[in-house]
Amino acid sequence: MGIKYRFKNWVRRWLTEDEEVKEPKPSRLIESTDLDSNQPLRITIHRAAGGMVVETRTYDRVKDRQNQNLHIITHEQDLAESLSKIITMESLRG
């Protein structure tokens, strides 16, 4: 076997190995921008300079409209505690 053949085999094995390493996305993640009325509160967290921006979206079935609020969490604040407060506040609104 020549060097060319061994090199091609090495590249082929390396490429197939890379495909096997890829892990499927967890099923709990939802990658949809469609309006889903079964979920009363959606939370999206965006990284920003100096902290995080938390976007909350709720769907009002009575008025048939979507409400969106933005919350800012700075690096000095505890993320878990701030998210807890945001979820509580948004739940009380609805």
Protein backbone atom coordinates (compact mmCIF):
# COMPACT_ATOMS: atom_id res chain seq x y z
CA MET A 1 0.00 0.00 0.00
CA GLY A 2 1.22 3.42 -0.89
CA ILE A 3 1.36 6.55 1.19
CA LYS A 4 -1.50 8.05 -0.81
CA TYR A 5 -3.80 5.12 0.09
CA ARG A 6 -2.86 5.22 3.80
CA PHE A 7 -3.37 9.00 3.93
CA LYS A 8 -6.84 8.69 2.34
CA ASN A 9 -7.79 5.97 4.84
CA TRP A 10 -6.53 8.08 7.74
CA VAL A 11 -8.57 11.09 6.55
CA ARG A 12 -11.66 8.91 6.01
CA ARG A 13 -11.42 7.42 9.52
CA TRP A 14 -10.82 10.87 11.02
CA LEU A 15 -13.92 12.29 9.26
CA THR A 16 -16.14 9.39 10.31
CA GLU A 17 -14.85 9.63 13.84
CA ASP A 18 -15.86 13.31 13.90
CA GLU A 19 -19.41 12.41 12.86
CA GLU A 20 -19.73 9.87 15.65
CA VAL A 21 -18.60 12.37 18.30
CA LYS A 22 -21.40 14.83 17.53
CA GLU A 23 -24.03 14.56 20.23
CA PRO A 24 -27.68 15.03 19.41
CA LYS A 25 -29.37 18.09 20.89
CA PRO A 26 -31.37 17.40 24.03
CA SER A 27 -35.05 16.88 23.31
CA ARG A 28 -36.10 19.48 25.89
CA LEU A 29 -34.73 22.34 23.78
CA ILE A 30 -37.29 23.99 21.55
CA GLU A 31 -35.94 25.62 18.43
CA SER A 32 -39.11 27.18 17.16
CA THR A 33 -40.27 30.73 16.69
CA ASP A 34 -43.88 29.63 16.25
CA LEU A 35 -46.39 30.76 18.81
CA ASP A 36 -47.12 27.90 21.16
CA SER A 37 -50.13 28.61 23.33
CA ASN A 38 -49.48 25.50 25.47
CA GLN A 39 -46.51 27.17 27.11
CA PRO A 40 -47.64 30.17 29.15
CA LEU A 41 -44.14 31.60 29.78
CA ARG A 42 -41.07 31.49 27.53
CA ILE A 43 -37.70 32.71 28.72
CA THR A 44 -34.71 33.46 26.50
CA ILE A 45 -31.36 34.51 27.94
CA HIS A 46 -28.99 36.58 25.81
CA ARG A 47 -25.41 37.41 26.69
CA ALA A 48 -24.66 41.12 26.69
CA ALA A 49 -21.76 43.40 27.55
CA GLY A 50 -21.80 43.69 31.34
CA GLY A 51 -24.30 40.92 32.03
CA MET A 52 -27.31 39.13 30.60
CA VAL A 53 -30.58 40.20 29.04
CA VAL A 54 -33.55 38.01 29.92
CA GLU A 55 -36.47 38.11 27.50
CA THR A 56 -39.81 36.80 28.73
CA ARG A 57 -42.74 36.16 26.44
CA THR A 58 -46.26 35.28 27.45
CA TYR A 59 -49.33 34.64 25.37
CA ASP A 60 -52.62 36.21 26.40
CA ARG A 61 -55.37 33.94 25.07
CA VAL A 62 -58.15 36.38 25.92
CA LYS A 63 -56.64 39.27 23.95
CA ASP A 64 -54.94 36.93 21.46
CA ARG A 65 -51.63 38.72 21.69
CA GLN A 66 -48.11 38.06 22.80
CA ASN A 67 -46.49 40.14 25.57
CA GLN A 68 -42.74 40.59 25.74
CA ASN A 69 -40.61 42.01 28.56
CA LEU A 70 -36.86 42.50 28.87
CA HIS A 71 -34.92 42.27 32.12
CA ILE A 72 -31.24 43.09 32.65
CA ILE A 73 -29.01 41.09 34.99
CA THR A 74 -25.57 42.58 35.59
CA HIS A 75 -22.44 40.55 36.32
CA GLU A 76 -22.58 41.72 39.95
CA GLN A 77 -25.97 40.08 40.48
CA ASP A 78 -26.51 36.38 41.18
CA LEU A 79 -27.97 34.84 38.01
CA ALA A 80 -30.01 32.14 39.76
CA GLU A 81 -31.52 34.54 42.28
CA SER A 82 -32.33 37.12 39.60
CA LEU A 83 -33.96 34.51 37.35
CA SER A 84 -36.01 33.30 40.29
CA LYS A 85 -37.28 36.84 40.90
CA ILE A 86 -38.05 37.37 37.21
CA ILE A 87 -40.02 34.13 36.96
CA THR A 88 -41.96 34.98 40.12
CA MET A 89 -42.72 38.49 38.89
CA GLU A 90 -43.84 37.28 35.46
CA SER A 91 -46.00 34.54 37.02
CA LEU A 92 -47.75 37.10 39.21
CA ARG A 93 -48.51 39.27 36.18
CA GLY A 94 -50.42 36.51 34.42
